Protein backbone atom coordinates (compact mmCIF):
# COMPACT_ATOMS: atom_id res chain seq x y z
CA MET A 1 0.18 0.16 0.25
CA THR A 2 1.59 3.56 -1.30
CA ALA A 3 1.35 6.06 0.93
CA PHE A 4 -0.99 8.00 -1.64
CA ASP A 5 -3.53 4.31 -1.25
CA GLN A 6 -4.86 4.53 2.15
CA GLY A 7 -7.85 1.87 1.89
CA PRO A 8 -11.20 4.05 3.28
CA THR A 9 -10.05 6.99 5.36
CA THR A 10 -11.52 8.62 8.44
CA PRO A 11 -13.78 11.59 8.76
CA ALA A 12 -11.20 14.63 10.21
CA SER A 13 -10.86 16.23 13.28
CA PRO A 14 -13.21 19.41 13.57
CA ARG A 15 -11.66 22.02 13.36
CA SER A 16 -11.83 25.97 14.75
CA HIS A 17 -12.78 28.44 12.06
CA THR A 18 -13.23 32.40 13.03
CA HIS A 19 -14.54 32.88 10.06
CA PRO A 20 -17.64 30.55 7.91
CA PHE A 21 -16.56 27.54 6.38
CA LEU A 22 -18.18 24.79 4.23
CA PRO A 23 -16.64 21.37 3.30
CA TYR A 24 -15.83 20.63 -0.20
CA ARG A 25 -16.27 17.66 -1.79
CA PRO A 26 -15.57 17.23 -5.31
CA GLU A 27 -16.09 14.08 -7.56
CA ARG A 28 -12.66 12.39 -7.45
CA LEU A 29 -12.77 10.07 -10.78
CA ASP A 30 -10.84 6.70 -11.79
CA GLN A 31 -7.81 7.57 -13.50
CA ALA A 32 -8.94 6.77 -16.80
CA GLU A 33 -11.72 9.34 -17.06
CA ALA A 34 -9.90 11.64 -15.62
CA ILE A 35 -7.25 11.65 -18.74
CA ARG A 36 -10.03 11.60 -20.96
CA ARG A 37 -11.52 14.47 -19.34
CA GLY A 38 -7.66 16.18 -19.10
CA GLU A 39 -6.98 14.82 -23.36
CA GLN A 40 -10.47 16.18 -24.11
CA PHE A 41 -9.84 19.75 -22.72
CA ARG A 42 -6.78 19.88 -24.00
CA THR A 43 -7.78 19.22 -27.55
CA HIS A 44 -10.64 21.88 -27.17
CA LEU A 45 -8.28 24.43 -25.79
CA GLN A 46 -5.39 23.58 -28.72
CA ALA A 47 -8.01 24.52 -30.58
CA ARG A 48 -8.34 28.11 -30.21
CA ARG A 49 -6.52 30.58 -31.77
CA SER A 50 -6.01 34.87 -31.26
CA VAL A 51 -7.75 36.59 -34.09
CA ARG A 52 -7.55 39.50 -36.27
CA PHE A 53 -10.67 39.28 -38.56
CA PHE A 54 -14.60 39.03 -36.82
CA SER A 55 -17.61 38.39 -37.88
CA PRO A 56 -19.99 41.33 -37.74
CA ASP A 57 -22.88 38.95 -36.49
CA PRO A 58 -24.20 40.13 -32.80
CA VAL A 59 -23.35 37.82 -29.68
CA PRO A 60 -25.94 37.58 -26.93
CA ALA A 61 -24.95 39.77 -24.04
CA ALA A 62 -26.11 37.15 -21.69
CA MET A 63 -22.36 35.42 -23.59
CA ILE A 64 -21.08 38.14 -22.52
CA GLU A 65 -22.42 37.33 -18.84
CA LEU A 66 -21.57 33.65 -18.94
CA ALA A 67 -18.08 34.51 -19.99
CA VAL A 68 -17.20 36.87 -17.00
CA ASP A 69 -19.34 34.69 -14.95
CA ALA A 70 -16.54 32.14 -15.17
CA ALA A 71 -13.80 34.97 -15.15
CA ASN A 72 -15.39 35.06 -11.66
CA THR A 73 -15.04 31.75 -10.52
CA ALA A 74 -10.77 32.06 -11.18
CA PRO A 75 -8.89 32.40 -7.37
CA SER A 76 -7.13 35.81 -6.87
CA GLY A 77 -4.74 36.75 -3.33
CA ALA A 78 -6.96 37.22 -0.01
CA HIS A 79 -10.27 36.29 -2.86
CA GLN A 80 -10.02 39.97 -3.25
CA GLN A 81 -10.56 39.40 -6.56
CA PRO A 82 -9.56 42.50 -8.64
CA TRP A 83 -11.06 43.09 -11.94
CA LYS A 84 -13.39 44.56 -13.47
CA PHE A 85 -15.07 44.13 -16.81
CA VAL A 86 -16.39 45.84 -19.22
CA ALA A 87 -18.36 45.55 -22.37
CA VAL A 88 -18.38 47.98 -25.04
CA GLY A 89 -21.37 47.71 -27.83
CA ASP A 90 -22.34 50.85 -27.84
CA PRO A 91 -20.71 51.58 -32.46
CA ALA A 92 -19.85 54.81 -31.24
CA LEU A 93 -18.13 54.28 -28.29
CA ARG A 94 -16.24 51.41 -30.02
CA HIS A 95 -15.13 53.55 -32.58
CA ARG A 96 -13.49 56.39 -29.93
CA ILE A 97 -11.84 52.59 -28.71
CA ARG A 98 -10.32 52.29 -32.08
CA GLU A 99 -9.32 55.85 -32.43
CA ALA A 100 -7.73 56.15 -29.57
CA ALA A 101 -5.96 52.59 -29.99
CA GLU A 102 -4.85 53.18 -33.14
CA GLU A 103 -3.18 56.92 -32.18
CA GLU A 104 -1.31 54.91 -30.05
CA GLU A 105 -0.72 52.34 -32.01
CA ARG A 106 0.49 54.83 -34.79
CA ILE A 107 3.49 55.89 -32.19
CA ASN A 108 4.66 52.34 -32.18
CA TYR A 109 5.04 51.07 -35.10
CA GLU A 110 5.29 54.29 -37.97
CA GLY A 111 7.07 56.87 -35.03
CA GLY A 112 9.34 54.12 -33.24
CA ARG A 113 7.81 53.69 -29.90
CA LEU A 114 8.55 49.76 -30.22
CA PRO A 115 12.47 48.60 -29.59
CA GLU A 116 13.64 46.83 -32.07
CA ALA A 117 13.52 43.74 -30.85
CA TRP A 118 9.86 43.62 -30.25
CA ARG A 119 9.40 44.54 -33.86
CA ASP A 120 10.70 41.33 -34.86
CA ALA A 121 9.83 39.23 -32.94
CA LEU A 122 5.64 40.71 -33.91
CA GLY A 123 6.79 40.57 -37.27
CA PRO A 124 5.69 37.08 -37.23
CA LEU A 125 1.60 37.65 -37.26
CA GLU A 126 2.19 40.77 -39.13
CA THR A 127 0.79 43.49 -36.17
CA ASP A 128 0.39 47.22 -37.27
CA SER A 129 -1.21 50.09 -36.29
CA ASP A 130 -4.36 48.96 -38.27
CA LYS A 131 -7.50 48.24 -35.64
CA SER A 132 -10.38 48.29 -37.45
CA TYR A 133 -12.32 44.91 -36.27
CA LEU A 134 -12.45 47.52 -33.13
CA ASP A 135 -14.99 48.86 -35.38
CA THR A 136 -15.97 45.32 -36.30
CA VAL A 137 -16.94 43.17 -33.33
CA PRO A 138 -20.61 43.49 -32.07
CA TRP A 139 -18.87 43.69 -28.05
CA ILE A 140 -14.91 45.30 -26.65
CA VAL A 141 -14.45 43.93 -23.02
CA VAL A 142 -11.99 45.45 -21.65
CA ALA A 143 -10.67 43.63 -18.36
CA PHE A 144 -9.95 46.64 -15.47
CA ALA A 145 -7.67 45.72 -12.99
CA GLU A 146 -8.76 47.08 -9.31
CA LYS A 147 -5.48 48.70 -7.44
CA SER A 148 -7.88 49.20 -4.79
CA THR A 149 -11.80 48.34 -3.68
CA PRO A 150 -13.82 51.43 -2.51
CA MET A 151 -15.23 50.05 1.17
CA PRO A 152 -18.82 50.42 2.40
CA ASP A 153 -16.95 53.63 4.86
CA GLY A 154 -15.29 55.59 2.37
CA ARG A 155 -12.10 53.92 3.32
CA LEU A 156 -9.91 52.12 0.50
CA ARG A 157 -8.69 48.76 0.55
CA LYS A 158 -4.83 48.30 -0.71
CA ASN A 159 -5.99 44.46 -3.07
CA TYR A 160 -2.87 41.96 -3.36
CA TYR A 161 -1.82 39.63 -6.31
CA VAL A 162 -3.99 42.21 -7.92
CA ASN A 163 -1.89 41.60 -11.20
CA GLU A 164 -2.09 37.34 -10.78
CA SER A 165 -4.87 37.46 -9.92
CA VAL A 166 -6.69 39.54 -13.13
CA GLY A 167 -4.57 37.27 -15.08
CA ILE A 168 -6.30 34.76 -14.18
CA ALA A 169 -9.35 36.07 -14.27
CA CYS A 170 -8.75 36.92 -18.05
CA GLY A 171 -7.51 33.13 -18.78
CA LEU A 172 -10.56 32.28 -17.95
CA PHE A 173 -12.67 34.67 -19.77
CA ILE A 174 -10.69 33.40 -23.08
CA ALA A 175 -11.49 30.05 -22.01
CA ALA A 176 -15.30 30.68 -21.72
CA LEU A 177 -15.75 32.40 -25.09
CA HIS A 178 -13.47 29.82 -27.13
CA THR A 179 -15.70 27.07 -25.84
CA MET A 180 -18.90 29.19 -26.52
CA GLY A 181 -17.49 29.48 -30.45
CA LEU A 182 -16.51 32.97 -29.92
CA ALA A 183 -12.76 34.23 -31.26
CA THR A 184 -11.36 37.28 -29.53
CA LEU A 185 -7.65 38.74 -28.88
CA THR A 186 -5.61 40.20 -25.94
CA HIS A 187 -4.81 43.10 -27.31
CA THR A 188 -2.21 45.81 -24.80
CA PRO A 189 -2.11 49.09 -26.66
CA ASN A 190 0.14 50.50 -24.36
CA PRO A 191 -0.69 53.24 -23.07
CA MET A 192 -3.64 52.25 -22.23
CA ALA A 193 -4.34 55.58 -20.40
CA PHE A 194 -7.55 56.32 -23.30
CA LEU A 195 -9.25 53.59 -22.17
CA THR A 196 -9.87 55.22 -17.94
CA GLU A 197 -10.75 58.43 -20.02
CA ILE A 198 -13.23 56.91 -22.57
CA LEU A 199 -15.09 54.36 -19.83
CA GLN A 200 -15.02 57.01 -16.84
CA ARG A 201 -12.94 54.28 -14.81
CA PRO A 202 -12.47 55.92 -11.14
CA THR A 203 -8.36 56.00 -10.67
CA THR A 204 -8.50 53.02 -8.11
CA GLU A 205 -8.29 50.66 -11.52
CA ARG A 206 -6.26 50.46 -14.64
CA PRO A 207 -6.75 49.36 -17.70
CA TYR A 208 -5.25 45.68 -17.93
CA ILE A 209 -6.54 43.74 -21.09
CA LEU A 210 -8.74 45.02 -24.10
CA PHE A 211 -10.24 42.44 -25.85
CA PRO A 212 -12.44 42.45 -29.09
CA VAL A 213 -14.66 39.92 -28.95
CA GLY A 214 -17.01 37.84 -31.68
CA TYR A 215 -17.73 35.54 -33.73
CA PRO A 216 -14.67 35.22 -36.63
CA ALA A 217 -14.62 36.42 -40.25
CA ALA A 218 -15.90 34.09 -43.24
CA ASP A 219 -12.41 34.79 -44.27
CA CYS A 220 -10.89 34.83 -41.34
CA GLU A 221 -7.15 33.77 -41.26
CA VAL A 222 -4.20 33.33 -38.59
CA PRO A 223 -0.27 33.07 -38.02
CA ASP A 224 1.16 29.32 -39.06
CA LEU A 225 2.62 29.02 -35.59
CA ALA A 226 3.52 26.05 -33.33
CA ARG A 227 3.23 25.96 -29.75
CA LYS A 228 5.58 25.56 -27.14
CA PRO A 229 6.17 21.40 -27.08
CA LEU A 230 5.51 19.60 -23.82
CA THR A 231 8.89 18.72 -22.98
CA ARG A 232 9.17 23.15 -23.11
CA ALA A 233 6.69 23.92 -20.93
CA LEU A 234 7.25 21.23 -18.66
CA GLU A 235 9.50 19.93 -15.91
CA TYR A 236 10.42 16.79 -13.77
CA PHE A 237 11.53 16.92 -9.99
CA ALA A 238 9.86 13.38 -9.41
CA GLY A 239 10.80 11.23 -7.29
């Protein structure tokens, strides 16, 4: 009998908690079924690609809500959940965002603000300052990171592990969109302060990622790229 196979377990002794706790008993799958589900999920995500060619076909707000609800399941530092997702469907507002994003990107690409090494790294993606897809997609969703959170008594609560927490939430948001057949792109025009102004966000928040959200265009193309193999992504220190 191994250390991981101790036979029937007895209930743990009662613990004393200062705050409310609930039992957590997720389903424990047999290994074959667990691996089958893992392979299925991996195959599902392997089909996901970042898209820059979108269809103007409408996307119900309910799908955006489901994706944000999925993002809300992300773990976060001290369970502070320091994120805010702002969904923009209004065409005029989306156009303002496009104009401001392209202004910054022209400085990046044509104005030389991007270092040469960065430009070389972006070469295979063939990206440029044209962000016309922001006018095409039915939704722009901007994830904001909450550096601090206003409390009912007027104080500001400092949030911890903000970047890590928001990054995980955004990953789940992307996975949820893909699961519903939608496409997106992690667009980070730099700097992004214009999003704070256009979307009238408080100074306690900062723009984190801009997501155009919609269906891929019928003639959509993506760069022919290979993902890092498992042998380069994983190292073991096995006993």
